[in-house]
C-alpha atoms as a PDB file:
ATOM      1  CA  MET A   1      12.846-186.415 134.690  1.00  0.00           C
ATOM      2  CA  LYS A   2      16.797-187.274 133.498  1.00  0.00           C
ATOM      3  CA  TRP A   3      19.060-183.912 133.761  1.00  0.00           C
ATOM      4  CA  ILE A   4      20.391-183.268 130.502  1.00  0.00           C
ATOM      5  CA  PRO A   5      23.234-180.681 130.815  1.00  0.00           C
ATOM      6  CA  PHE A   6      22.890-178.459 127.839  1.00  0.00           C
ATOM      7  CA  ASN A   7      26.462-177.060 128.579  1.00  0.00           C
ATOM      8  CA  PRO A   8      29.669-178.932 130.132  1.00  0.00           C
ATOM      9  CA  ASP A   9      32.116-177.282 130.062  1.00  0.00           C
ATOM     10  CA  TRP A  10      30.850-174.136 131.725  1.00  0.00           C
ATOM     11  CA  GLN A  11      32.831-174.126 134.664  1.00  0.00           C
ATOM     12  CA  ASN A  12      36.243-173.717 131.627  1.00  0.00           C
ATOM     13  CA  SER A  13      34.603-170.890 129.521  1.00  0.00           C
ATOM     14  CA  PRO A  14      37.423-168.446 128.823  1.00  0.00           C
ATOM     15  CA  GLU A  15      34.876-166.095 128.021  1.00  0.00           C
ATOM     16  CA  PRO A  16      34.238-163.540 130.754  1.00  0.00           C
ATOM     17  CA  ILE A  17      30.797-162.657 132.133  1.00  0.00           C
ATOM     18  CA  PRO A  18      29.304-159.121 131.882  1.00  0.00           C
ATOM     19  CA  SER A  19      29.323-157.778 135.042  1.00  0.00           C
ATOM     20  CA  ALA A  20      25.958-156.373 135.475  1.00  0.00           C
ATOM     21  CA  ALA A  21      24.397-159.781 134.861  1.00  0.00           C
ATOM     22  CA  ALA A  22      26.996-161.537 137.192  1.00  0.00           C
ATOM     23  CA  THR A  23      25.743-159.878 140.215  1.00  0.00           C
ATOM     24  CA  GLU A  24      21.943-160.340 139.130  1.00  0.00           C
ATOM     25  CA  VAL A  25      22.978-164.108 138.182  1.00  0.00           C
ATOM     26  CA  ALA A  26      25.058-164.161 142.072  1.00  0.00           C
ATOM     27  CA  GLU A  27      22.092-162.470 144.053  1.00  0.00           C
ATOM     28  CA  LEU A  28      19.890-165.348 142.933  1.00  0.00           C
ATOM     29  CA  LYS A  29      22.688-168.143 143.503  1.00  0.00           C
ATOM     30  CA  ILE A  30      22.870-169.422 140.123  1.00  0.00           C
ATOM     31  CA  PRO A  31      26.496-169.686 138.645  1.00  0.00           C
ATOM     32  CA  SER A  32      26.757-167.120 136.309  1.00  0.00           C
ATOM     33  CA  ALA A  33      29.037-168.533 133.850  1.00  0.00           C
ATOM     34  CA  MET A  34      26.133-171.301 133.927  1.00  0.00           C
ATOM     35  CA  ALA A  35      23.245-168.265 132.720  1.00  0.00           C
ATOM     36  CA  MET A  36      25.418-166.647 130.719  1.00  0.00           C
ATOM     37  CA  LYS A  37      25.776-169.968 128.393  1.00  0.00           C
ATOM     38  CA  CYS A  38      22.850-170.660 128.860  1.00  0.00           C
ATOM     39  CA  ARG A  39      21.384-172.132 124.913  1.00  0.00           C
ATOM     40  CA  VAL A  40      17.300-170.395 124.442  1.00  0.00           C
ATOM     41  CA  VAL A  41      15.346-172.033 121.791  1.00  0.00           C
ATOM     42  CA  ILE A  42      13.563-169.092 120.029  1.00  0.00           C
ATOM     43  CA  ALA A  43       9.815-169.925 118.212  1.00  0.00           C
ATOM     44  CA  GLU A  44       8.242-167.262 117.373  1.00  0.00           C
ATOM     45  CA  ASP A  45       6.841-166.376 113.351  1.00  0.00           C
ATOM     46  CA  ASP A  46       6.410-163.380 112.903  1.00  0.00           C
ATOM     47  CA  PRO A  47       9.904-161.921 111.936  1.00  0.00           C
ATOM     48  CA  ILE A  48       9.756-158.378 113.991  1.00  0.00           C
ATOM     49  CA  SER A  49       8.659-160.321 117.236  1.00  0.00           C
ATOM     50  CA  ARG A  50      11.150-163.032 116.945  1.00  0.00           C
ATOM     51  CA  GLU A  51      14.270-160.463 116.401  1.00  0.00           C
ATOM     52  CA  VAL A  52      13.418-158.182 118.948  1.00  0.00           C
ATOM     53  CA  VAL A  53      13.205-160.921 121.493  1.00  0.00           C
ATOM     54  CA  SER A  54      16.457-162.859 120.332  1.00  0.00           C
ATOM     55  CA  SER A  55      17.847-158.689 119.829  1.00  0.00           C
ATOM     56  CA  HIS A  56      17.179-158.627 123.875  1.00  0.00           C
ATOM     57  CA  LEU A  57      17.707-162.362 124.752  1.00  0.00           C
ATOM     58  CA  ARG A  58      21.734-162.486 122.982  1.00  0.00           C
ATOM     59  CA  ASN A  59      22.288-158.760 125.022  1.00  0.00           C
ATOM     60  CA  TRP A  60      21.900-160.991 128.270  1.00  0.00           C
ATOM     61  CA  GLY A  61      24.293-162.767 127.562  1.00  0.00           C
ATOM     62  CA  TYR A  62      21.847-166.746 126.480  1.00  0.00           C
ATOM     63  CA  GLU A  63      23.113-168.448 123.344  1.00  0.00           C
ATOM     64  CA  ILE A  64      19.693-168.094 120.135  1.00  0.00           C
ATOM     65  CA  LEU A  65      18.678-171.005 118.119  1.00  0.00           C
ATOM     66  CA  VAL A  66      15.898-169.431 116.648  1.00  0.00           C
ATOM     67  CA  ALA A  67      12.789-170.994 115.451  1.00  0.00           C
ATOM     68  CA  ARG A  68      10.623-169.774 112.773  1.00  0.00           C
ATOM     69  CA  ASN A  69       7.549-172.448 113.969  1.00  0.00           C
ATOM     70  CA  GLY A  70       7.200-175.164 115.848  1.00  0.00           C
ATOM     71  CA  ARG A  71       8.441-178.038 114.084  1.00  0.00           C
ATOM     72  CA  GLU A  72      11.707-176.296 113.861  1.00  0.00           C
ATOM     73  CA  ALA A  73      11.771-174.887 118.123  1.00  0.00           C
ATOM     74  CA  LEU A  74      10.927-178.767 118.435  1.00  0.00           C
ATOM     75  CA  GLU A  75      13.743-180.156 116.321  1.00  0.00           C
ATOM     76  CA  ALA A  76      16.533-177.754 118.570  1.00  0.00           C
ATOM     77  CA  LEU A  77      14.513-179.544 121.864  1.00  0.00           C
ATOM     78  CA  ARG A  78      15.084-182.611 121.047  1.00  0.00           C
ATOM     79  CA  ALA A  79      18.937-182.903 119.534  1.00  0.00           C
ATOM     80  CA  GLU A  80      21.322-184.512 122.587  1.00  0.00           C
ATOM     81  CA  ARG A  81      22.550-181.076 123.196  1.00  0.00           C
ATOM     82  CA  GLY A  82      19.261-179.076 122.728  1.00  0.00           C
ATOM     83  CA  PRO A  83      18.244-176.042 124.960  1.00  0.00           C
ATOM     84  CA  VAL A  84      16.967-176.437 127.884  1.00  0.00           C
ATOM     85  CA  LEU A  85      15.042-173.128 128.068  1.00  0.00           C
ATOM     86  CA  ALA A  86      12.792-172.351 125.134  1.00  0.00           C
ATOM     87  CA  VAL A  87      10.606-169.870 124.213  1.00  0.00           C
ATOM     88  CA  LEU A  88       7.199-170.701 122.175  1.00  0.00           C
ATOM     89  CA  ASP A  89       4.552-168.511 120.497  1.00  0.00           C
ATOM     90  CA  TRP A  90       1.688-169.987 121.256  1.00  0.00           C
ATOM     91  CA  MET A  91      -0.058-169.586 117.092  1.00  0.00           C
ATOM     92  CA  MET A  92       2.377-170.854 115.277  1.00  0.00           C
ATOM     93  CA  PRO A  93       2.756-172.309 111.798  1.00  0.00           C
ATOM     94  CA  GLU A  94       3.241-175.842 111.521  1.00  0.00           C
ATOM     95  CA  ILE A  95       2.655-176.459 114.859  1.00  0.00           C
ATOM     96  CA  ASP A  96       1.346-174.956 118.119  1.00  0.00           C
ATOM     97  CA  GLY A  97       3.739-173.432 121.252  1.00  0.00           C
ATOM     98  CA  VAL A  98       1.232-175.535 123.770  1.00  0.00           C
ATOM     99  CA  GLU A  99       1.587-178.921 121.216  1.00  0.00           C
ATOM    100  CA  VAL A 100       5.602-178.223 121.260  1.00  0.00           C
ATOM    101  CA  CYS A 101       5.414-177.791 124.843  1.00  0.00           C
ATOM    102  CA  ARG A 102       3.027-181.726 125.055  1.00  0.00           C
ATOM    103  CA  GLN A 103       6.052-183.097 123.226  1.00  0.00           C
ATOM    104  CA  VAL A 104       8.595-181.520 125.131  1.00  0.00           C
ATOM    105  CA  ARG A 105       6.983-183.732 128.122  1.00  0.00           C
ATOM    106  CA  GLN A 106       6.513-186.852 126.697  1.00  0.00           C
ATOM    107  CA  MET A 107      11.076-186.351 126.750  1.00  0.00           C
ATOM    108  CA  GLU A 108      13.428-188.274 128.992  1.00  0.00           C
ATOM    109  CA  LYS A 109      14.777-184.075 129.690  1.00  0.00           C
ATOM    110  CA  MET A 110      14.547-181.028 131.798  1.00  0.00           C
ATOM    111  CA  ILE A 111      13.446-178.391 129.675  1.00  0.00           C
ATOM    112  CA  TYR A 112      12.029-174.926 130.827  1.00  0.00           C
ATOM    113  CA  VAL A 113       8.935-173.972 129.141  1.00  0.00           C
ATOM    114  CA  LEU A 114       7.855-169.364 128.472  1.00  0.00           C
ATOM    115  CA  LEU A 115       5.132-169.747 126.633  1.00  0.00           C
ATOM    116  CA  LEU A 116       4.762-165.796 124.993  1.00  0.00           C
ATOM    117  CA  THR A 117       0.694-165.840 124.661  1.00  0.00           C
ATOM    118  CA  ALA A 118      -1.567-162.293 123.270  1.00  0.00           C
ATOM    119  CA  ARG A 119      -4.749-165.311 124.868  1.00  0.00           C
ATOM    120  CA  SER A 120      -5.754-164.286 128.631  1.00  0.00           C
ATOM    121  CA  ALA A 121      -8.925-166.153 128.924  1.00  0.00           C
ATOM    122  CA  LYS A 122      -8.856-168.266 131.950  1.00  0.00           C
ATOM    123  CA  GLU A 123      -9.709-171.590 129.828  1.00  0.00           C
ATOM    124  CA  GLN A 124      -6.754-171.235 127.676  1.00  0.00           C
ATOM    125  CA  LEU A 125      -3.883-170.266 130.382  1.00  0.00           C
ATOM    126  CA  VAL A 126      -5.185-173.958 132.220  1.00  0.00           C
ATOM    127  CA  GLU A 127      -5.425-175.416 128.877  1.00  0.00           C
ATOM    128  CA  ALA A 128      -1.716-174.386 128.344  1.00  0.00           C
ATOM    129  CA  PHE A 129      -0.355-175.011 132.166  1.00  0.00           C
ATOM    130  CA  THR A 130      -2.140-179.071 131.361  1.00  0.00           C
ATOM    131  CA  ALA A 131       0.088-179.424 127.928  1.00  0.00           C
ATOM    132  CA  GLY A 132       3.245-178.966 131.066  1.00  0.00           C
ATOM    133  CA  VAL A 133       3.603-175.298 130.094  1.00  0.00           C
ATOM    134  CA  ASP A 134       6.035-173.826 132.889  1.00  0.00           C
ATOM    135  CA  ASP A 135       5.228-170.021 132.666  1.00  0.00           C
ATOM    136  CA  PHE A 136       3.729-167.974 131.206  1.00  0.00           C
ATOM    137  CA  LEU A 137       3.908-164.377 129.434  1.00  0.00           C
ATOM    138  CA  ALA A 138       1.173-162.053 127.956  1.00  0.00           C
ATOM    139  CA  LYS A 139       1.712-159.512 124.868  1.00  0.00           C
ATOM    140  CA  PRO A 140       3.002-157.282 124.701  1.00  0.00           C
ATOM    141  CA  PHE A 141       5.801-157.981 127.530  1.00  0.00           C
ATOM    142  CA  HIS A 142       7.840-155.268 129.272  1.00  0.00           C
ATOM    143  CA  LYS A 143      11.802-156.911 128.200  1.00  0.00           C
ATOM    144  CA  ASP A 144      12.252-157.053 132.021  1.00  0.00           C
ATOM    145  CA  GLU A 145       9.611-159.197 132.645  1.00  0.00           C
ATOM    146  CA  LEU A 146      10.820-161.374 130.300  1.00  0.00           C
ATOM    147  CA  ARG A 147      14.013-161.314 131.779  1.00  0.00           C
ATOM    148  CA  ALA A 148      12.556-162.197 135.359  1.00  0.00           C
ATOM    149  CA  ARG A 149      10.875-164.780 133.740  1.00  0.00           C
ATOM    150  CA  LEU A 150      13.664-166.685 132.339  1.00  0.00           C
ATOM    151  CA  THR A 151      15.964-165.877 135.290  1.00  0.00           C
ATOM    152  CA  ALA A 152      12.853-167.571 137.098  1.00  0.00           C
ATOM    153  CA  GLY A 153      13.077-170.743 135.225  1.00  0.00           C
ATOM    154  CA  LEU A 154      17.132-170.790 135.722  1.00  0.00           C
ATOM    155  CA  ARG A 155      16.641-171.025 139.010  1.00  0.00           C
ATOM    156  CA  VAL A 156      14.043-173.499 138.795  1.00  0.00           C
ATOM    157  CA  LEU A 157      16.302-175.556 136.380  1.00  0.00           C
ATOM    158  CA  THR A 158      19.557-175.307 138.544  1.00  0.00           C
ATOM    159  CA  LEU A 159      17.018-176.993 141.629  1.00  0.00           C
ATOM    160  CA  GLN A 160      15.512-179.598 139.759  1.00  0.00           C
ATOM    161  CA  ASN A 161      19.962-180.186 138.451  1.00  0.00           C
ATOM    162  CA  THR A 162      20.835-180.554 142.153  1.00  0.00           C
ATOM    163  CA  LEU A 163      17.975-182.788 143.233  1.00  0.00           C
ATOM    164  CA  SER A 164      18.967-184.980 139.765  1.00  0.00           C
ATOM    165  CA  GLN A 165      22.375-184.894 141.576  1.00  0.00           C
ATOM    166  CA  ARG A 166      21.690-185.548 145.489  1.00  0.00           C
ATOM    167  CA  VAL A 167      19.138-188.768 144.088  1.00  0.00           C
ATOM    168  CA  GLU A 168      22.086-189.965 142.400  1.00  0.00           C
ATOM    169  CA  GLN A 169      24.783-189.578 145.235  1.00  0.00           C
ATOM    170  CA  LEU A 170      21.517-191.307 147.373  1.00  0.00           C
ATOM    171  CA  GLU A 171      20.531-193.948 145.637  1.00  0.00           C
ATOM    172  CA  ARG A 172      24.868-194.480 145.040  1.00  0.00           C
ATOM    173  CA  ALA A 173      24.776-194.325 149.220  1.00  0.00           C
ATOM    174  CA  LEU A 174      21.925-196.767 149.654  1.00  0.00           C
ATOM    175  CA  ALA A 175      23.429-198.895 146.774  1.00  0.00           C
ATOM    176  CA  GLU A 176      26.921-198.889 148.844  1.00  0.00           C
ATOM    177  CA  ASN A 177      24.922-199.782 152.633  1.00  0.00           C
ATOM    178  CA  GLN A 178      22.991-202.756 151.352  1.00  0.00           C
ATOM    179  CA  SER A 179      26.014-204.294 149.582  1.00  0.00           C
ATOM    180  CA  LEU A 180      27.823-203.765 153.182  1.00  0.00           C
ATOM    181  CA  ARG A 181      25.011-205.560 154.810  1.00  0.00           C
ATOM    182  CA  LEU A 182      24.866-208.417 152.527  1.00  0.00           C
ATOM    183  CA  GLN A 183      28.444-209.055 154.259  1.00  0.00           C
ATOM    184  CA  ILE A 184      28.450-208.355 157.188  1.00  0.00           C
ATOM    185  CA  PRO A 185      26.993-211.499 159.001  1.00  0.00           C
ATOM    186  CA  ILE A 186      24.737-210.688 161.862  1.00  0.00           C
END
Protein backbone atom coordinates (compact mmCIF):
# COMPACT_ATOMS: atom_id res chain seq x y z
CA MET A 1 0.00 0.00 0.00
CA LYS A 2 1.16 3.49 -0.74
CA TRP A 3 1.43 5.88 2.20
CA ILE A 4 -0.40 9.15 1.63
CA PRO A 5 0.47 11.85 4.16
CA PHE A 6 -2.42 13.40 5.99
CA ASN A 7 -0.72 16.70 6.79
CA PRO A 8 2.53 17.48 5.00
CA ASP A 9 3.14 20.53 7.20
CA TRP A 10 2.84 18.82 10.56
CA GLN A 11 6.47 19.54 11.44
CA ASN A 12 6.00 23.27 10.81
CA SER A 13 2.73 23.62 12.67
CA PRO A 14 2.57 26.87 14.65
CA GLU A 15 -0.17 25.51 16.88
CA PRO A 16 0.89 24.52 20.41
CA ILE A 17 0.58 20.91 21.46
CA PRO A 18 -1.34 20.36 24.70
CA SER A 19 1.27 19.21 27.24
CA ALA A 20 -0.60 16.12 28.53
CA ALA A 21 -1.17 14.86 25.00
CA ALA A 22 2.41 15.64 23.96
CA THR A 23 3.75 13.69 26.96
CA GLU A 24 1.55 10.69 26.22
CA VAL A 25 2.52 10.71 22.56
CA ALA A 26 6.23 11.13 23.39
CA GLU A 27 6.09 8.00 25.54
CA LEU A 28 4.74 6.12 22.53
CA LYS A 29 7.49 7.53 20.29
CA ILE A 30 4.94 9.09 17.94
CA PRO A 31 5.75 12.60 16.72
CA SER A 32 3.47 14.74 18.87
CA ALA A 33 2.52 17.16 16.11
CA MET A 34 1.55 14.24 13.89
CA ALA A 35 -0.82 12.86 16.49
CA MET A 36 -2.29 16.25 17.21
CA LYS A 37 -2.90 17.12 13.56
CA CYS A 38 -4.30 13.74 12.58
CA ARG A 39 -7.57 13.83 10.67
CA VAL A 40 -10.23 11.33 11.66
CA VAL A 41 -13.53 10.60 10.00
CA ILE A 42 -16.29 9.66 12.42
CA ALA A 43 -19.20 7.88 10.77
CA GLU A 44 -22.16 7.44 13.07
CA ASP A 45 -25.84 7.77 12.21
CA ASP A 46 -26.97 8.41 15.79
CA PRO A 47 -26.54 12.16 16.43
CA ILE A 48 -25.90 11.78 20.17
CA SER A 49 -23.27 9.05 19.73
CA ARG A 50 -21.70 11.04 16.89
CA GLU A 51 -21.41 14.14 19.10
CA VAL A 52 -19.99 12.18 22.06
CA VAL A 53 -17.25 10.56 19.95
CA SER A 54 -16.53 13.83 18.10
CA SER A 55 -16.28 15.77 21.35
CA HIS A 56 -13.78 13.31 22.85
CA LEU A 57 -11.58 13.30 19.76
CA ARG A 58 -11.70 17.07 19.43
CA ASN A 59 -10.63 17.38 23.09
CA TRP A 60 -7.71 15.04 22.38
CA GLY A 61 -6.50 17.25 19.53
CA TYR A 62 -7.73 15.34 16.49
CA GLU A 63 -9.12 17.13 13.45
CA ILE A 64 -12.62 15.74 12.97
CA LEU A 65 -14.63 15.07 9.83
CA VAL A 66 -18.16 13.98 10.66
CA ALA A 67 -20.22 11.64 8.47
CA ARG A 68 -23.84 10.69 9.05
CA ASN A 69 -23.63 7.52 7.00
CA GLY A 70 -21.24 5.20 5.22
CA ARG A 71 -21.47 6.98 1.88
CA GLU A 72 -20.29 10.28 3.41
CA ALA A 73 -17.49 8.47 5.24
CA LEU A 74 -16.32 6.79 2.06
CA GLU A 75 -16.29 10.12 0.20
CA ALA A 76 -14.13 11.66 2.94
CA LEU A 77 -11.74 8.70 2.95
CA ARG A 78 -11.39 8.76 -0.85
CA ALA A 79 -10.30 12.41 -0.84
CA GLU A 80 -6.67 13.00 -1.81
CA ARG A 81 -5.83 14.36 1.63
CA GLY A 82 -8.52 12.42 3.40
CA PRO A 83 -8.27 11.08 6.95
CA VAL A 84 -5.96 8.21 7.82
CA LEU A 85 -8.03 7.17 10.82
CA ALA A 86 -11.66 6.11 10.56
CA VAL A 87 -14.08 5.46 13.42
CA LEU A 88 -17.05 3.71 11.83
CA ASP A 89 -20.32 2.55 13.26
CA TRP A 90 -21.20 -0.90 11.94
CA MET A 91 -24.90 -0.27 11.32
CA MET A 92 -25.45 2.87 9.23
CA PRO A 93 -27.76 3.91 6.43
CA GLU A 94 -26.72 3.58 2.77
CA ILE A 95 -23.43 1.74 3.38
CA ASP A 96 -22.58 -0.02 6.64
CA GLY A 97 -19.18 0.28 8.34
CA VAL A 98 -17.96 -3.15 7.23
CA GLU A 99 -18.72 -2.38 3.58
CA VAL A 100 -16.98 0.99 3.90
CA CYS A 101 -13.95 -0.92 5.15
CA ARG A 102 -14.10 -3.38 2.24
CA GLN A 103 -14.08 -0.48 -0.21
CA VAL A 104 -11.30 1.35 1.66
CA ARG A 105 -9.08 -1.74 1.39
CA GLN A 106 -9.34 -1.54 -2.40
CA MET A 107 -7.79 1.93 -2.35
CA GLU A 108 -4.07 2.67 -2.66
CA LYS A 109 -4.04 4.31 0.74
CA MET A 110 -3.25 3.22 4.29
CA ILE A 111 -6.21 3.93 6.58
CA TYR A 112 -6.60 2.58 10.10
CA VAL A 113 -10.23 1.52 10.66
CA LEU A 114 -11.78 1.23 14.12
CA LEU A 115 -15.28 -0.25 14.07
CA LEU A 116 -17.78 0.67 16.78
CA THR A 117 -20.36 -2.04 17.27
CA ALA A 118 -22.94 -3.48 19.59
CA ARG A 119 -22.39 -6.80 17.83
CA SER A 120 -20.11 -9.23 19.59
CA ALA A 121 -20.80 -12.67 18.13
CA LYS A 122 -17.58 -14.30 16.96
CA GLU A 123 -18.99 -14.85 13.46
CA GLN A 124 -19.75 -11.15 13.13
CA LEU A 125 -16.33 -10.11 14.34
CA VAL A 126 -14.70 -12.57 11.94
CA GLU A 127 -16.73 -10.97 9.14
CA ALA A 128 -15.49 -7.51 10.17
CA PHE A 129 -11.83 -8.52 10.39
CA THR A 130 -12.08 -10.40 7.09
CA ALA A 131 -13.38 -7.19 5.50
CA GLY A 132 -10.22 -5.43 6.70
CA VAL A 133 -11.21 -3.77 9.97
CA ASP A 134 -8.10 -3.09 12.06
CA ASP A 135 -9.77 -2.97 15.45
CA PHE A 136 -13.20 -2.86 17.03
CA LEU A 137 -14.73 -1.41 20.14
CA ALA A 138 -17.95 -2.74 21.64
CA LYS A 139 -20.69 -0.28 22.54
CA PRO A 140 -21.03 1.09 25.11
CA PHE A 141 -17.34 1.87 25.43
CA HIS A 142 -15.17 3.80 27.85
CA LYS A 143 -13.56 6.95 26.45
CA ASP A 144 -10.11 5.95 27.70
CA GLU A 145 -10.32 2.70 25.75
CA LEU A 146 -11.28 4.64 22.62
CA ARG A 147 -8.29 6.92 23.12
CA ALA A 148 -5.94 3.99 23.67
CA ARG A 149 -7.14 2.24 20.51
CA LEU A 150 -6.73 5.41 18.44
CA THR A 151 -3.24 5.87 19.85
CA ALA A 152 -2.45 2.28 18.86
CA GLY A 153 -3.75 3.10 15.38
CA LEU A 154 -1.38 6.06 15.18
CA ARG A 155 1.48 3.79 16.21
CA VAL A 156 0.59 1.38 13.39
CA LEU A 157 0.34 4.22 10.87
CA THR A 158 3.68 5.65 12.00
CA LEU A 159 5.36 2.26 11.66
CA GLN A 160 3.77 1.77 8.22
CA ASN A 161 5.05 5.17 7.13
CA THR A 162 8.56 4.41 8.40
CA LEU A 163 8.56 1.03 6.67
CA SER A 164 7.38 2.57 3.38
CA GLN A 165 10.16 5.16 3.53
CA ARG A 166 12.78 2.49 4.23
CA VAL A 167 11.54 0.35 1.34
CA GLU A 168 11.81 3.36 -0.98
CA GLN A 169 15.38 3.99 0.26
CA LEU A 170 16.31 0.35 -0.35
CA GLU A 171 14.80 0.39 -3.83
CA ARG A 172 16.78 3.54 -4.71
CA ALA A 173 19.99 2.00 -3.34
CA LEU A 174 19.38 -1.21 -5.29
CA ALA A 175 18.76 0.73 -8.50
CA GLU A 176 21.94 2.74 -7.95
CA ASN A 177 23.91 -0.45 -7.22
CA GLN A 178 22.63 -2.10 -10.40
CA SER A 179 23.44 1.01 -12.41
CA LEU A 180 27.00 1.05 -11.04
CA ARG A 181 27.42 -2.66 -11.73
CA LEU A 182 26.64 -2.03 -15.40
CA GLN A 183 29.23 0.74 -15.54
CA ILE A 184 32.12 -1.15 -13.91
CA PRO A 185 33.81 -3.72 -16.16
CA ILE A 186 34.26 -7.10 -14.52
